Every structure is written in C-alpha cells, then in structure tokens.
Amino acid sequence: MSKGTTEPGYRNRNEQVVVRKTDLPGNDHNQITYVLRCDECGHEYGSNGSDIFQRRCPAHDGGATGLSIGD
C-alpha cells in the first residue's frame, strides 16, 4: 500500500521525502507547511502539502525556494 503525499516517509519522483507536518501556515490557500528532506544532499525545507508530489531540491536541483520551517 502506498503512502499519501503528506504522510511522513512519502518519497516523490525527485527523491524528496516528507519528514513531518508543522503547525505553520503554507503560502497557498488552506495549506500548511510540511518539512521535506532531499535524499541526495540532505537539505531540509518547507513545502505546501499540495506541492509535495512535484517538489525538487532548492539547494541543488533547481527547485523553488522552500517555505520557512521555523529553524
């Protein structure tokens, strides 16, 4: 059984993995921020839940700048 795109452990086709859900608002309508980690370089960043399936790493793969995750 596959994981939903917002479940921790979900990996998209660009090797971005959901780490956890935050309590922070996203920047799209009715979205919250999720922490993603790039499996290739380890970079962690925030994403709207609705964008997880298509995200690329912003550190090395030309992805859009991630949302704040409150570090």
C-alpha atoms as a PDB file:
ATOM      1  CA  MET A   1       0.000   0.000   0.000  1.00  0.00           C
ATOM      2  CA  SER A   2       1.443   3.385  -0.947  1.00  0.00           C
ATOM      3  CA  LYS A   3       1.669   6.379   1.350  1.00  0.00           C
ATOM      4  CA  GLY A   4      -0.332   9.560   0.781  1.00  0.00           C
ATOM      5  CA  THR A   5       1.728  12.513  -0.382  1.00  0.00           C
ATOM      6  CA  THR A   6       1.600  14.239   3.024  1.00  0.00           C
ATOM      7  CA  GLU A   7       2.491  11.195   5.134  1.00  0.00           C
ATOM      8  CA  PRO A   8       5.970  11.034   6.708  1.00  0.00           C
ATOM      9  CA  GLY A   9       8.153   8.763   4.611  1.00  0.00           C
ATOM     10  CA  TYR A  10       6.440   9.566   1.296  1.00  0.00           C
ATOM     11  CA  ARG A  11       9.078   9.985  -1.436  1.00  0.00           C
ATOM     12  CA  ASN A  12       8.256  11.847  -4.640  1.00  0.00           C
ATOM     13  CA  ARG A  13       9.760  11.124  -8.073  1.00  0.00           C
ATOM     14  CA  ASN A  14      12.513  13.723  -7.412  1.00  0.00           C
ATOM     15  CA  GLU A  15      13.777  11.961  -4.239  1.00  0.00           C
ATOM     16  CA  GLN A  16      12.201  14.455  -1.838  1.00  0.00           C
ATOM     17  CA  VAL A  17      10.934  12.794   1.362  1.00  0.00           C
ATOM     18  CA  VAL A  18       8.276  14.045   3.786  1.00  0.00           C
ATOM     19  CA  VAL A  19       9.816  14.342   7.262  1.00  0.00           C
ATOM     20  CA  ARG A  20       6.951  15.834   9.262  1.00  0.00           C
ATOM     21  CA  LYS A  21       3.961  18.154   9.343  1.00  0.00           C
ATOM     22  CA  THR A  22       4.351  21.546  11.052  1.00  0.00           C
ATOM     23  CA  ASP A  23       1.800  23.888  12.627  1.00  0.00           C
ATOM     24  CA  LEU A  24       2.938  26.680  10.282  1.00  0.00           C
ATOM     25  CA  PRO A  25       0.639  28.036   7.577  1.00  0.00           C
ATOM     26  CA  GLY A  26       1.656  27.481   3.970  1.00  0.00           C
ATOM     27  CA  ASN A  27       1.529  30.194   1.340  1.00  0.00           C
ATOM     28  CA  ASP A  28      -1.253  28.643  -0.746  1.00  0.00           C
ATOM     29  CA  HIS A  29      -4.984  28.615   0.060  1.00  0.00           C
ATOM     30  CA  ASN A  30      -5.771  26.431   3.114  1.00  0.00           C
ATOM     31  CA  GLN A  31      -2.335  24.792   3.124  1.00  0.00           C
ATOM     32  CA  ILE A  32       0.054  24.029   5.957  1.00  0.00           C
ATOM     33  CA  THR A  33       3.808  23.602   5.769  1.00  0.00           C
ATOM     34  CA  TYR A  34       5.481  20.193   5.674  1.00  0.00           C
ATOM     35  CA  VAL A  35       9.200  19.573   6.144  1.00  0.00           C
ATOM     36  CA  LEU A  36      10.832  17.806   3.198  1.00  0.00           C
ATOM     37  CA  ARG A  37      14.347  16.370   3.001  1.00  0.00           C
ATOM     38  CA  CYS A  38      16.321  15.776  -0.162  1.00  0.00           C
ATOM     39  CA  ASP A  39      17.592  12.198  -0.142  1.00  0.00           C
ATOM     40  CA  GLU A  40      20.518  13.166  -2.355  1.00  0.00           C
ATOM     41  CA  CYS A  41      22.002  16.075  -0.360  1.00  0.00           C
ATOM     42  CA  GLY A  42      20.086  16.055   2.968  1.00  0.00           C
ATOM     43  CA  HIS A  43      18.768  19.632   2.615  1.00  0.00           C
ATOM     44  CA  GLU A  44      15.558  20.202   4.628  1.00  0.00           C
ATOM     45  CA  TYR A  45      12.980  22.827   3.688  1.00  0.00           C
ATOM     46  CA  GLY A  46       9.276  23.624   3.889  1.00  0.00           C
ATOM     47  CA  SER A  47       6.604  22.931   1.298  1.00  0.00           C
ATOM     48  CA  ASN A  48       2.854  23.321   0.966  1.00  0.00           C
ATOM     49  CA  GLY A  49       1.187  19.932   1.229  1.00  0.00           C
ATOM     50  CA  SER A  50      -0.302  20.444  -2.228  1.00  0.00           C
ATOM     51  CA  ASP A  51       3.174  20.828  -3.785  1.00  0.00           C
ATOM     52  CA  ILE A  52       4.938  17.797  -2.295  1.00  0.00           C
ATOM     53  CA  PHE A  53       4.381  15.490  -5.268  1.00  0.00           C
ATOM     54  CA  GLN A  54       6.322  17.777  -7.618  1.00  0.00           C
ATOM     55  CA  ARG A  55       8.982  19.413  -5.433  1.00  0.00           C
ATOM     56  CA  ARG A  56      12.658  19.454  -6.429  1.00  0.00           C
ATOM     57  CA  CYS A  57      15.510  20.283  -4.064  1.00  0.00           C
ATOM     58  CA  PRO A  58      16.076  24.057  -3.870  1.00  0.00           C
ATOM     59  CA  ALA A  59      19.691  23.509  -2.761  1.00  0.00           C
ATOM     60  CA  HIS A  60      20.988  21.660  -5.811  1.00  0.00           C
ATOM     61  CA  ASP A  61      18.233  20.663  -8.251  1.00  0.00           C
ATOM     62  CA  GLY A  62      16.705  23.986  -9.307  1.00  0.00           C
ATOM     63  CA  GLY A  63      13.653  23.722  -7.058  1.00  0.00           C
ATOM     64  CA  ALA A  64      11.719  26.738  -5.838  1.00  0.00           C
ATOM     65  CA  THR A  65      12.850  28.289  -2.568  1.00  0.00           C
ATOM     66  CA  GLY A  66      11.355  26.370   0.343  1.00  0.00           C
ATOM     67  CA  LEU A  67       9.000  27.793   2.958  1.00  0.00           C
ATOM     68  CA  SER A  68      10.252  28.666   6.431  1.00  0.00           C
ATOM     69  CA  ILE A  69      10.190  25.733   8.837  1.00  0.00           C
ATOM     70  CA  GLY A  70      10.931  27.810  11.916  1.00  0.00           C
ATOM     71  CA  ASP A  71      14.563  26.787  12.489  1.00  0.00           C
END
